[in-house]
Amino acid sequence: MSEPLSARGPSIALLETSSIARGIEATDAMMTRAAVDLLLTTIVPRGKYLVLVGGAVADVEQALRAGLDTAGTAVVDHFLIQNVHPQLPAAIKGRVKVESVEAIGLLETKDVASAIYAGDAAVKAAAVTLIEARNQPGAKGLVVLTGDVGAVRAAVAAGAATVKEGQLVAEVVIPRAHDALLKSLTS
């Protein structure tokens, strides 16, 4: 079971900016404006900046508004998830260890925000285990999940449906992956 996202609530917001400096400034505005937990900040390739906050819905909404206002034209993408799935936080932080793997589902996006949002939608749509939903080299996003073939197909379709037009790079379902591939995706 994943650790709770925040003691104050199951809501998260992510802001992705094209400027590191504007992203840091937006982070300060977000933290100053509302009582949220700072869950992640990171610089990604091509000079982009990500900030993820969590907490009660109203606080997270207020923080996101502050970040959007501060970052202005440097905003690349953003989202707010009001009832985040409990598997998502661990999948954002890194690969989640799984005991066994059935089918593998993959969603690749042009930006990180789209992948995290798609990962939440995918794991809510079907009985799957989220292995990761996070930043990849080149500032792309990747979602990796596992479960039975039908559930993986449903989850991948649900996740892909949330991705903005032009942001989806690939959606793949591998019904029975080779053992070597499974090891590389899950360790």
C-alpha atoms as a PDB file:
ATOM      1  CA  MET A   1       0.000   0.000   0.000  1.00  0.00           C
ATOM      2  CA  SER A   2       1.281   3.467  -0.869  1.00  0.00           C
ATOM      3  CA  GLU A   3       1.976   6.031   1.785  1.00  0.00           C
ATOM      4  CA  PRO A   4      -0.638   8.797   2.026  1.00  0.00           C
ATOM      5  CA  LEU A   5      -0.006  11.714  -0.268  1.00  0.00           C
ATOM      6  CA  SER A   6      -0.748  14.293   2.386  1.00  0.00           C
ATOM      7  CA  ALA A   7      -2.257  14.436   5.837  1.00  0.00           C
ATOM      8  CA  ARG A   8      -4.581  17.166   4.568  1.00  0.00           C
ATOM      9  CA  GLY A   9      -6.181  15.463   1.578  1.00  0.00           C
ATOM     10  CA  PRO A  10      -5.971  13.394  -1.561  1.00  0.00           C
ATOM     11  CA  SER A  11      -5.593  16.203  -4.096  1.00  0.00           C
ATOM     12  CA  ILE A  12      -2.539  17.032  -6.221  1.00  0.00           C
ATOM     13  CA  ALA A  13      -1.617  19.680  -8.772  1.00  0.00           C
ATOM     14  CA  LEU A  14       1.319  19.749 -11.134  1.00  0.00           C
ATOM     15  CA  LEU A  15       2.715  22.793 -12.893  1.00  0.00           C
ATOM     16  CA  GLU A  16       5.233  22.418 -15.727  1.00  0.00           C
ATOM     17  CA  THR A  17       7.076  25.526 -16.944  1.00  0.00           C
ATOM     18  CA  SER A  18       9.443  26.233 -19.807  1.00  0.00           C
ATOM     19  CA  SER A  19      11.638  28.337 -17.515  1.00  0.00           C
ATOM     20  CA  ILE A  20      13.508  27.091 -14.461  1.00  0.00           C
ATOM     21  CA  ALA A  21      13.546  30.537 -12.861  1.00  0.00           C
ATOM     22  CA  ARG A  22       9.808  31.107 -13.470  1.00  0.00           C
ATOM     23  CA  GLY A  23       9.119  27.617 -12.129  1.00  0.00           C
ATOM     24  CA  ILE A  24      10.973  28.345  -8.908  1.00  0.00           C
ATOM     25  CA  GLU A  25       9.184  31.676  -8.589  1.00  0.00           C
ATOM     26  CA  ALA A  26       5.834  29.932  -9.169  1.00  0.00           C
ATOM     27  CA  THR A  27       6.703  27.334  -6.517  1.00  0.00           C
ATOM     28  CA  ASP A  28       7.266  30.083  -3.974  1.00  0.00           C
ATOM     29  CA  ALA A  29       3.935  31.690  -4.892  1.00  0.00           C
ATOM     30  CA  MET A  30       2.148  28.348  -4.585  1.00  0.00           C
ATOM     31  CA  MET A  31       3.605  27.629  -1.158  1.00  0.00           C
ATOM     32  CA  THR A  32       2.990  31.171   0.076  1.00  0.00           C
ATOM     33  CA  ARG A  33      -0.629  31.323  -1.119  1.00  0.00           C
ATOM     34  CA  ALA A  34      -1.996  28.068   0.323  1.00  0.00           C
ATOM     35  CA  ALA A  35      -1.401  25.396   2.954  1.00  0.00           C
ATOM     36  CA  VAL A  36      -0.122  22.652   0.643  1.00  0.00           C
ATOM     37  CA  ASP A  37       2.654  20.090   0.851  1.00  0.00           C
ATOM     38  CA  LEU A  38       5.523  20.425  -1.607  1.00  0.00           C
ATOM     39  CA  LEU A  39       5.795  16.894  -3.002  1.00  0.00           C
ATOM     40  CA  LEU A  40       8.249  17.340  -5.865  1.00  0.00           C
ATOM     41  CA  THR A  41      10.312  19.916  -7.678  1.00  0.00           C
ATOM     42  CA  THR A  42      12.671  19.002 -10.451  1.00  0.00           C
ATOM     43  CA  ILE A  43      14.458  20.393 -13.465  1.00  0.00           C
ATOM     44  CA  VAL A  44      13.900  18.370 -16.612  1.00  0.00           C
ATOM     45  CA  PRO A  45      15.780  18.431 -19.921  1.00  0.00           C
ATOM     46  CA  ARG A  46      15.370  21.402 -22.228  1.00  0.00           C
ATOM     47  CA  GLY A  47      15.233  23.774 -19.243  1.00  0.00           C
ATOM     48  CA  LYS A  48      11.779  22.867 -17.969  1.00  0.00           C
ATOM     49  CA  TYR A  49      10.708  22.846 -14.335  1.00  0.00           C
ATOM     50  CA  LEU A  50       8.116  20.706 -12.567  1.00  0.00           C
ATOM     51  CA  VAL A  51       6.414  21.376  -9.265  1.00  0.00           C
ATOM     52  CA  LEU A  52       3.927  19.013  -7.631  1.00  0.00           C
ATOM     53  CA  VAL A  53       1.885  19.977  -4.573  1.00  0.00           C
ATOM     54  CA  GLY A  54      -0.688  18.084  -2.537  1.00  0.00           C
ATOM     55  CA  GLY A  55      -3.271  18.711   0.116  1.00  0.00           C
ATOM     56  CA  ALA A  56      -6.936  19.562   0.520  1.00  0.00           C
ATOM     57  CA  VAL A  57      -8.741  20.336  -2.733  1.00  0.00           C
ATOM     58  CA  ALA A  58      -9.421  24.015  -2.016  1.00  0.00           C
ATOM     59  CA  ASP A  59      -5.824  24.643  -0.958  1.00  0.00           C
ATOM     60  CA  VAL A  60      -4.392  22.842  -3.985  1.00  0.00           C
ATOM     61  CA  GLU A  61      -6.703  24.789  -6.323  1.00  0.00           C
ATOM     62  CA  GLN A  62      -5.607  28.057  -4.723  1.00  0.00           C
ATOM     63  CA  ALA A  63      -1.931  27.120  -4.968  1.00  0.00           C
ATOM     64  CA  LEU A  64      -2.276  26.127  -8.627  1.00  0.00           C
ATOM     65  CA  ARG A  65      -3.951  29.454  -9.461  1.00  0.00           C
ATOM     66  CA  ALA A  66      -1.055  31.264  -7.782  1.00  0.00           C
ATOM     67  CA  GLY A  67       1.470  29.218  -9.752  1.00  0.00           C
ATOM     68  CA  LEU A  68      -0.314  29.803 -13.060  1.00  0.00           C
ATOM     69  CA  ASP A  69      -0.577  33.544 -12.410  1.00  0.00           C
ATOM     70  CA  THR A  70       3.090  33.794 -11.469  1.00  0.00           C
ATOM     71  CA  ALA A  71       4.481  31.622 -14.270  1.00  0.00           C
ATOM     72  CA  GLY A  72       2.332  33.305 -16.936  1.00  0.00           C
ATOM     73  CA  THR A  73       3.482  32.534 -20.471  1.00  0.00           C
ATOM     74  CA  ALA A  74       6.116  30.091 -19.186  1.00  0.00           C
ATOM     75  CA  VAL A  75       3.380  27.517 -18.390  1.00  0.00           C
ATOM     76  CA  VAL A  76       3.809  24.413 -20.558  1.00  0.00           C
ATOM     77  CA  ASP A  77       1.101  22.302 -18.916  1.00  0.00           C
ATOM     78  CA  HIS A  78      -0.711  21.823 -15.640  1.00  0.00           C
ATOM     79  CA  PHE A  79      -3.378  19.704 -14.008  1.00  0.00           C
ATOM     80  CA  LEU A  80      -5.295  19.213 -10.796  1.00  0.00           C
ATOM     81  CA  ILE A  81      -6.558  15.811  -9.651  1.00  0.00           C
ATOM     82  CA  GLN A  82      -9.118  16.127  -6.877  1.00  0.00           C
ATOM     83  CA  ASN A  83      -9.223  12.482  -5.791  1.00  0.00           C
ATOM     84  CA  VAL A  84      -5.820  11.061  -6.640  1.00  0.00           C
ATOM     85  CA  HIS A  85      -5.526   7.283  -6.794  1.00  0.00           C
ATOM     86  CA  PRO A  86      -3.403   5.903  -3.927  1.00  0.00           C
ATOM     87  CA  GLN A  87      -0.994   4.159  -6.349  1.00  0.00           C
ATOM     88  CA  LEU A  88      -0.017   7.374  -8.129  1.00  0.00           C
ATOM     89  CA  PRO A  89       2.372   9.025  -5.611  1.00  0.00           C
ATOM     90  CA  ALA A  90       4.758   6.066  -5.487  1.00  0.00           C
ATOM     91  CA  ALA A  91       4.672   5.735  -9.298  1.00  0.00           C
ATOM     92  CA  ILE A  92       5.638   9.394  -9.645  1.00  0.00           C
ATOM     93  CA  LYS A  93       8.616   8.975  -7.306  1.00  0.00           C
ATOM     94  CA  GLY A  94      10.061   5.927  -9.072  1.00  0.00           C
ATOM     95  CA  ARG A  95       9.447   2.398 -10.229  1.00  0.00           C
ATOM     96  CA  VAL A  96       7.168   0.420  -7.963  1.00  0.00           C
ATOM     97  CA  LYS A  97       8.322  -3.153  -7.308  1.00  0.00           C
ATOM     98  CA  VAL A  98       5.792  -5.784  -8.344  1.00  0.00           C
ATOM     99  CA  GLU A  99       5.769  -9.488  -7.487  1.00  0.00           C
ATOM    100  CA  SER A 100       4.548 -10.685 -10.861  1.00  0.00           C
ATOM    101  CA  VAL A 101       3.705  -9.185 -14.212  1.00  0.00           C
ATOM    102  CA  GLU A 102       1.024 -10.247 -16.619  1.00  0.00           C
ATOM    103  CA  ALA A 103       0.404  -7.918 -19.550  1.00  0.00           C
ATOM    104  CA  ILE A 104       2.346  -4.651 -19.785  1.00  0.00           C
ATOM    105  CA  GLY A 105       0.747  -1.349 -20.778  1.00  0.00           C
ATOM    106  CA  LEU A 106       2.717   1.722 -21.824  1.00  0.00           C
ATOM    107  CA  LEU A 107       1.709   5.316 -22.472  1.00  0.00           C
ATOM    108  CA  GLU A 108       4.357   7.724 -23.762  1.00  0.00           C
ATOM    109  CA  THR A 109       3.636  11.459 -23.887  1.00  0.00           C
ATOM    110  CA  LYS A 110       5.478  14.539 -25.096  1.00  0.00           C
ATOM    111  CA  ASP A 111       5.408  16.083 -21.624  1.00  0.00           C
ATOM    112  CA  VAL A 112       5.476  14.884 -18.049  1.00  0.00           C
ATOM    113  CA  ALA A 113       2.191  16.394 -16.859  1.00  0.00           C
ATOM    114  CA  SER A 114       0.199  14.446 -19.460  1.00  0.00           C
ATOM    115  CA  ALA A 115       1.742  11.149 -18.368  1.00  0.00           C
ATOM    116  CA  ILE A 116       1.042  11.646 -14.669  1.00  0.00           C
ATOM    117  CA  TYR A 117      -2.548  12.652 -15.391  1.00  0.00           C
ATOM    118  CA  ALA A 118      -2.977   9.672 -17.747  1.00  0.00           C
ATOM    119  CA  GLY A 119      -1.505   7.328 -15.132  1.00  0.00           C
ATOM    120  CA  ASP A 120      -4.121   8.386 -12.596  1.00  0.00           C
ATOM    121  CA  ALA A 121      -6.931   7.882 -15.135  1.00  0.00           C
ATOM    122  CA  ALA A 122      -5.547   4.490 -16.191  1.00  0.00           C
ATOM    123  CA  VAL A 123      -5.288   3.049 -12.683  1.00  0.00           C
ATOM    124  CA  LYS A 124      -8.793   4.323 -11.834  1.00  0.00           C
ATOM    125  CA  ALA A 125     -10.278   2.691 -14.960  1.00  0.00           C
ATOM    126  CA  ALA A 126      -9.250  -0.928 -14.382  1.00  0.00           C
ATOM    127  CA  ALA A 127      -7.713  -3.346 -11.903  1.00  0.00           C
ATOM    128  CA  VAL A 128      -4.067  -2.746 -12.802  1.00  0.00           C
ATOM    129  CA  THR A 129      -0.885  -2.011 -10.899  1.00  0.00           C
ATOM    130  CA  LEU A 130       0.881   1.218 -11.743  1.00  0.00           C
ATOM    131  CA  ILE A 131       4.640   0.645 -12.010  1.00  0.00           C
ATOM    132  CA  GLU A 132       5.596   4.214 -12.929  1.00  0.00           C
ATOM    133  CA  ALA A 133       4.135   7.486 -14.179  1.00  0.00           C
ATOM    134  CA  ARG A 134       6.894  10.050 -14.414  1.00  0.00           C
ATOM    135  CA  ASN A 135       9.574  12.037 -16.191  1.00  0.00           C
ATOM    136  CA  GLN A 136      11.831  10.326 -18.718  1.00  0.00           C
ATOM    137  CA  PRO A 137      14.916  11.537 -20.611  1.00  0.00           C
ATOM    138  CA  GLY A 138      14.066  14.276 -23.078  1.00  0.00           C
ATOM    139  CA  ALA A 139      11.298  15.587 -20.773  1.00  0.00           C
ATOM    140  CA  LYS A 140       8.862  12.979 -22.047  1.00  0.00           C
ATOM    141  CA  GLY A 141       6.418  11.225 -19.775  1.00  0.00           C
ATOM    142  CA  LEU A 142       5.987   7.472 -19.440  1.00  0.00           C
ATOM    143  CA  VAL A 143       3.331   5.359 -17.766  1.00  0.00           C
ATOM    144  CA  VAL A 144       4.038   1.659 -17.204  1.00  0.00           C
ATOM    145  CA  LEU A 145       1.368  -0.612 -15.731  1.00  0.00           C
ATOM    146  CA  THR A 146       0.551  -4.306 -15.432  1.00  0.00           C
ATOM    147  CA  GLY A 147      -2.438  -6.566 -14.960  1.00  0.00           C
ATOM    148  CA  ASP A 148      -4.451  -9.038 -16.973  1.00  0.00           C
ATOM    149  CA  VAL A 149      -4.651  -8.278 -20.692  1.00  0.00           C
ATOM    150  CA  GLY A 150      -8.245  -6.988 -20.663  1.00  0.00           C
ATOM    151  CA  ALA A 151      -7.625  -4.687 -17.715  1.00  0.00           C
ATOM    152  CA  VAL A 152      -4.391  -3.376 -19.238  1.00  0.00           C
ATOM    153  CA  ARG A 153      -6.146  -2.648 -22.552  1.00  0.00           C
ATOM    154  CA  ALA A 154      -8.924  -0.781 -20.718  1.00  0.00           C
ATOM    155  CA  ALA A 155      -6.451   1.157 -18.554  1.00  0.00           C
ATOM    156  CA  VAL A 156      -4.262   2.171 -21.510  1.00  0.00           C
ATOM    157  CA  ALA A 157      -7.327   3.317 -23.467  1.00  0.00           C
ATOM    158  CA  ALA A 158      -8.606   5.346 -20.493  1.00  0.00           C
ATOM    159  CA  GLY A 159      -5.216   6.947 -19.913  1.00  0.00           C
ATOM    160  CA  ALA A 160      -4.755   7.768 -23.607  1.00  0.00           C
ATOM    161  CA  ALA A 161      -8.202   9.389 -23.699  1.00  0.00           C
ATOM    162  CA  THR A 162      -7.066  11.990 -21.153  1.00  0.00           C
ATOM    163  CA  VAL A 163      -3.997  13.107 -23.105  1.00  0.00           C
ATOM    164  CA  LYS A 164      -4.375  16.399 -24.946  1.00  0.00           C
ATOM    165  CA  GLU A 165      -4.402  16.266 -28.728  1.00  0.00           C
ATOM    166  CA  GLY A 166      -0.901  16.112 -30.159  1.00  0.00           C
ATOM    167  CA  GLN A 167       0.708  15.081 -26.836  1.00  0.00           C
ATOM    168  CA  LEU A 168       0.396  11.289 -27.101  1.00  0.00           C
ATOM    169  CA  VAL A 169       3.525   9.679 -28.582  1.00  0.00           C
ATOM    170  CA  ALA A 170       2.509   6.020 -28.199  1.00  0.00           C
ATOM    171  CA  GLU A 171       0.129   3.654 -26.472  1.00  0.00           C
ATOM    172  CA  VAL A 172       1.222   0.019 -26.319  1.00  0.00           C
ATOM    173  CA  VAL A 173      -0.139  -3.196 -24.815  1.00  0.00           C
ATOM    174  CA  ILE A 174       2.166  -6.220 -24.657  1.00  0.00           C
ATOM    175  CA  PRO A 175       0.033  -9.261 -23.736  1.00  0.00           C
ATOM    176  CA  ARG A 176       2.980 -11.379 -22.559  1.00  0.00           C
ATOM    177  CA  ALA A 177       6.330  -9.630 -22.448  1.00  0.00           C
ATOM    178  CA  HIS A 178       9.635 -11.504 -22.569  1.00  0.00           C
ATOM    179  CA  ASP A 179      11.145 -12.116 -19.127  1.00  0.00           C
ATOM    180  CA  ALA A 180      14.189  -9.927 -19.878  1.00  0.00           C
ATOM    181  CA  LEU A 181      11.922  -7.019 -20.808  1.00  0.00           C
ATOM    182  CA  LEU A 182       9.823  -7.526 -17.701  1.00  0.00           C
ATOM    183  CA  LYS A 183      12.926  -7.346 -15.518  1.00  0.00           C
ATOM    184  CA  SER A 184      14.091  -4.104 -17.176  1.00  0.00           C
ATOM    185  CA  LEU A 185      10.688  -2.450 -16.737  1.00  0.00           C
ATOM    186  CA  THR A 186      10.126  -3.458 -13.132  1.00  0.00           C
ATOM    187  CA  SER A 187      13.494  -3.244 -11.384  1.00  0.00           C
END
